[in-house]
Amino acid sequence: GGNSGSAFIGVLDIFGFESFKVNSFEQLCINYCNEALQQQFNLFVLKNEQDEYEQEGIKWSFISFPDNQDALDLIWKKGYGI
Protein backbone atom coordinates (compact mmCIF):
# COMPACT_ATOMS: atom_id res chain seq x y z
CA GLY A 1 0.00 0.00 0.00
CA GLY A 2 0.82 3.62 -0.38
CA ASN A 3 1.41 6.19 2.28
CA SER A 4 -1.74 8.17 2.91
CA GLY A 5 -0.03 10.46 5.39
CA SER A 6 -2.13 9.33 8.36
CA ALA A 7 -0.91 7.22 11.25
CA PHE A 8 -2.74 4.34 12.84
CA ILE A 9 -2.31 1.79 15.61
CA GLY A 10 -3.48 -1.76 15.05
CA VAL A 11 -4.43 -4.02 17.97
CA LEU A 12 -4.80 -7.78 17.77
CA ASP A 13 -6.79 -9.44 20.55
CA ILE A 14 -5.95 -13.13 20.56
CA PHE A 15 -7.03 -14.08 24.07
CA GLY A 16 -9.96 -16.46 24.47
CA PHE A 17 -11.18 -19.67 22.94
CA GLU A 18 -13.82 -19.35 20.26
CA SER A 19 -16.86 -21.48 20.95
CA PHE A 20 -18.91 -22.83 18.09
CA LYS A 21 -21.74 -25.37 18.13
CA VAL A 22 -19.25 -27.81 16.59
CA ASN A 23 -15.52 -27.24 16.98
CA SER A 24 -13.12 -29.06 14.70
CA PHE A 25 -9.64 -30.25 15.64
CA GLU A 26 -8.34 -27.48 13.39
CA GLN A 27 -10.22 -24.88 15.48
CA LEU A 28 -8.81 -26.39 18.67
CA CYS A 29 -5.28 -26.00 17.25
CA ILE A 30 -5.99 -22.40 16.23
CA ASN A 31 -7.42 -21.60 19.65
CA TYR A 32 -4.46 -23.25 21.40
CA CYS A 33 -1.95 -21.24 19.35
CA ASN A 34 -3.84 -18.02 20.06
CA GLU A 35 -3.84 -18.79 23.78
CA ALA A 36 -0.12 -19.59 23.74
CA LEU A 37 0.66 -16.32 21.93
CA GLN A 38 -1.45 -14.35 24.41
CA GLN A 39 0.31 -16.03 27.34
CA GLN A 40 3.70 -15.06 25.90
CA PHE A 41 2.51 -11.48 25.44
CA ASN A 42 1.18 -11.34 29.01
CA LEU A 43 4.43 -12.73 30.40
CA PHE A 44 6.91 -10.69 28.42
CA VAL A 45 5.07 -7.39 28.14
CA LEU A 46 2.85 -7.11 31.20
CA LYS A 47 4.41 -9.26 33.93
CA ASN A 48 8.07 -8.56 33.17
CA GLU A 49 7.49 -4.82 32.84
CA GLN A 50 5.69 -4.70 36.18
CA ASP A 51 8.48 -6.74 37.81
CA GLU A 52 11.02 -4.30 36.37
CA TYR A 53 9.06 -1.32 37.71
CA GLU A 54 9.14 -2.86 41.19
CA GLN A 55 12.89 -3.54 40.98
CA GLU A 56 13.57 0.03 39.89
CA GLY A 57 11.26 1.55 42.49
CA ILE A 58 9.02 3.18 39.88
CA LYS A 59 5.62 4.29 41.21
CA TRP A 60 2.82 2.64 39.27
CA SER A 61 -0.54 0.95 39.71
CA PHE A 62 -0.60 -2.83 39.32
CA ILE A 63 -2.38 -3.97 36.17
CA SER A 64 -4.17 -7.28 36.58
CA PHE A 65 -4.44 -9.52 33.55
CA PRO A 66 -5.85 -13.00 33.01
CA ASP A 67 -3.55 -15.99 33.32
CA ASN A 68 -4.53 -18.65 30.82
CA GLN A 69 -1.86 -21.18 31.83
CA ASP A 70 -4.48 -23.66 33.09
CA ALA A 71 -6.11 -23.75 29.64
CA LEU A 72 -2.72 -24.28 28.00
CA ASP A 73 -1.78 -27.04 30.47
CA LEU A 74 -5.06 -28.83 29.79
CA ILE A 75 -3.95 -29.33 26.20
CA TRP A 76 -0.16 -29.38 26.24
CA LYS A 77 1.32 -30.23 29.68
CA LYS A 78 3.31 -33.46 29.56
CA GLY A 79 1.62 -36.24 31.52
CA TYR A 80 -1.45 -34.08 32.09
CA GLY A 81 -2.71 -32.64 28.83
CA ILE A 82 -4.57 -34.26 25.99
C-alpha atoms as a PDB file:
ATOM      1  CA  GLY A   1       0.000   0.000   0.000  1.00  0.00           C
ATOM      2  CA  GLY A   2       0.825   3.623  -0.384  1.00  0.00           C
ATOM      3  CA  ASN A   3       1.413   6.194   2.281  1.00  0.00           C
ATOM      4  CA  SER A   4      -1.743   8.170   2.906  1.00  0.00           C
ATOM      5  CA  GLY A   5      -0.026  10.463   5.394  1.00  0.00           C
ATOM      6  CA  SER A   6      -2.127   9.335   8.356  1.00  0.00           C
ATOM      7  CA  ALA A   7      -0.910   7.218  11.251  1.00  0.00           C
ATOM      8  CA  PHE A   8      -2.744   4.336  12.840  1.00  0.00           C
ATOM      9  CA  ILE A   9      -2.311   1.795  15.610  1.00  0.00           C
ATOM     10  CA  GLY A  10      -3.480  -1.765  15.047  1.00  0.00           C
ATOM     11  CA  VAL A  11      -4.427  -4.021  17.965  1.00  0.00           C
ATOM     12  CA  LEU A  12      -4.796  -7.777  17.771  1.00  0.00           C
ATOM     13  CA  ASP A  13      -6.794  -9.443  20.548  1.00  0.00           C
ATOM     14  CA  ILE A  14      -5.947 -13.126  20.557  1.00  0.00           C
ATOM     15  CA  PHE A  15      -7.030 -14.076  24.071  1.00  0.00           C
ATOM     16  CA  GLY A  16      -9.957 -16.455  24.466  1.00  0.00           C
ATOM     17  CA  PHE A  17     -11.183 -19.672  22.939  1.00  0.00           C
ATOM     18  CA  GLU A  18     -13.817 -19.352  20.257  1.00  0.00           C
ATOM     19  CA  SER A  19     -16.857 -21.479  20.953  1.00  0.00           C
ATOM     20  CA  PHE A  20     -18.912 -22.829  18.090  1.00  0.00           C
ATOM     21  CA  LYS A  21     -21.741 -25.369  18.129  1.00  0.00           C
ATOM     22  CA  VAL A  22     -19.254 -27.809  16.593  1.00  0.00           C
ATOM     23  CA  ASN A  23     -15.522 -27.240  16.983  1.00  0.00           C
ATOM     24  CA  SER A  24     -13.119 -29.060  14.705  1.00  0.00           C
ATOM     25  CA  PHE A  25      -9.644 -30.254  15.635  1.00  0.00           C
ATOM     26  CA  GLU A  26      -8.345 -27.478  13.387  1.00  0.00           C
ATOM     27  CA  GLN A  27     -10.219 -24.876  15.484  1.00  0.00           C
ATOM     28  CA  LEU A  28      -8.807 -26.394  18.669  1.00  0.00           C
ATOM     29  CA  CYS A  29      -5.283 -26.003  17.252  1.00  0.00           C
ATOM     30  CA  ILE A  30      -5.986 -22.402  16.225  1.00  0.00           C
ATOM     31  CA  ASN A  31      -7.416 -21.604  19.655  1.00  0.00           C
ATOM     32  CA  TYR A  32      -4.463 -23.248  21.399  1.00  0.00           C
ATOM     33  CA  CYS A  33      -1.951 -21.244  19.348  1.00  0.00           C
ATOM     34  CA  ASN A  34      -3.839 -18.022  20.059  1.00  0.00           C
ATOM     35  CA  GLU A  35      -3.843 -18.788  23.783  1.00  0.00           C
ATOM     36  CA  ALA A  36      -0.117 -19.589  23.739  1.00  0.00           C
ATOM     37  CA  LEU A  37       0.657 -16.318  21.930  1.00  0.00           C
ATOM     38  CA  GLN A  38      -1.455 -14.354  24.405  1.00  0.00           C
ATOM     39  CA  GLN A  39       0.306 -16.029  27.344  1.00  0.00           C
ATOM     40  CA  GLN A  40       3.699 -15.060  25.899  1.00  0.00           C
ATOM     41  CA  PHE A  41       2.513 -11.481  25.443  1.00  0.00           C
ATOM     42  CA  ASN A  42       1.183 -11.344  29.010  1.00  0.00           C
ATOM     43  CA  LEU A  43       4.430 -12.731  30.398  1.00  0.00           C
ATOM     44  CA  PHE A  44       6.912 -10.690  28.423  1.00  0.00           C
ATOM     45  CA  VAL A  45       5.069  -7.393  28.136  1.00  0.00           C
ATOM     46  CA  LEU A  46       2.849  -7.109  31.200  1.00  0.00           C
ATOM     47  CA  LYS A  47       4.408  -9.261  33.931  1.00  0.00           C
ATOM     48  CA  ASN A  48       8.071  -8.563  33.169  1.00  0.00           C
ATOM     49  CA  GLU A  49       7.485  -4.820  32.841  1.00  0.00           C
ATOM     50  CA  GLN A  50       5.692  -4.705  36.177  1.00  0.00           C
ATOM     51  CA  ASP A  51       8.478  -6.736  37.806  1.00  0.00           C
ATOM     52  CA  GLU A  52      11.025  -4.295  36.373  1.00  0.00           C
ATOM     53  CA  TYR A  53       9.064  -1.315  37.707  1.00  0.00           C
ATOM     54  CA  GLU A  54       9.137  -2.858  41.192  1.00  0.00           C
ATOM     55  CA  GLN A  55      12.886  -3.541  40.975  1.00  0.00           C
ATOM     56  CA  GLU A  56      13.574   0.031  39.888  1.00  0.00           C
ATOM     57  CA  GLY A  57      11.256   1.551  42.491  1.00  0.00           C
ATOM     58  CA  ILE A  58       9.016   3.179  39.881  1.00  0.00           C
ATOM     59  CA  LYS A  59       5.617   4.294  41.209  1.00  0.00           C
ATOM     60  CA  TRP A  60       2.819   2.637  39.269  1.00  0.00           C
ATOM     61  CA  SER A  61      -0.536   0.946  39.707  1.00  0.00           C
ATOM     62  CA  PHE A  62      -0.595  -2.832  39.318  1.00  0.00           C
ATOM     63  CA  ILE A  63      -2.381  -3.967  36.172  1.00  0.00           C
ATOM     64  CA  SER A  64      -4.170  -7.279  36.580  1.00  0.00           C
ATOM     65  CA  PHE A  65      -4.436  -9.525  33.550  1.00  0.00           C
ATOM     66  CA  PRO A  66      -5.853 -13.005  33.008  1.00  0.00           C
ATOM     67  CA  ASP A  67      -3.545 -15.990  33.317  1.00  0.00           C
ATOM     68  CA  ASN A  68      -4.529 -18.654  30.820  1.00  0.00           C
ATOM     69  CA  GLN A  69      -1.858 -21.182  31.827  1.00  0.00           C
ATOM     70  CA  ASP A  70      -4.482 -23.659  33.090  1.00  0.00           C
ATOM     71  CA  ALA A  71      -6.106 -23.749  29.642  1.00  0.00           C
ATOM     72  CA  LEU A  72      -2.719 -24.282  27.999  1.00  0.00           C
ATOM     73  CA  ASP A  73      -1.783 -27.041  30.469  1.00  0.00           C
ATOM     74  CA  LEU A  74      -5.063 -28.829  29.791  1.00  0.00           C
ATOM     75  CA  ILE A  75      -3.954 -29.326  26.200  1.00  0.00           C
ATOM     76  CA  TRP A  76      -0.159 -29.380  26.235  1.00  0.00           C
ATOM     77  CA  LYS A  77       1.323 -30.226  29.682  1.00  0.00           C
ATOM     78  CA  LYS A  78       3.309 -33.463  29.556  1.00  0.00           C
ATOM     79  CA  GLY A  79       1.624 -36.239  31.517  1.00  0.00           C
ATOM     80  CA  TYR A  80      -1.449 -34.082  32.095  1.00  0.00           C
ATOM     81  CA  GLY A  81      -2.712 -32.635  28.834  1.00  0.00           C
ATOM     82  CA  ILE A  82      -4.568 -34.257  25.988  1.00  0.00           C
END
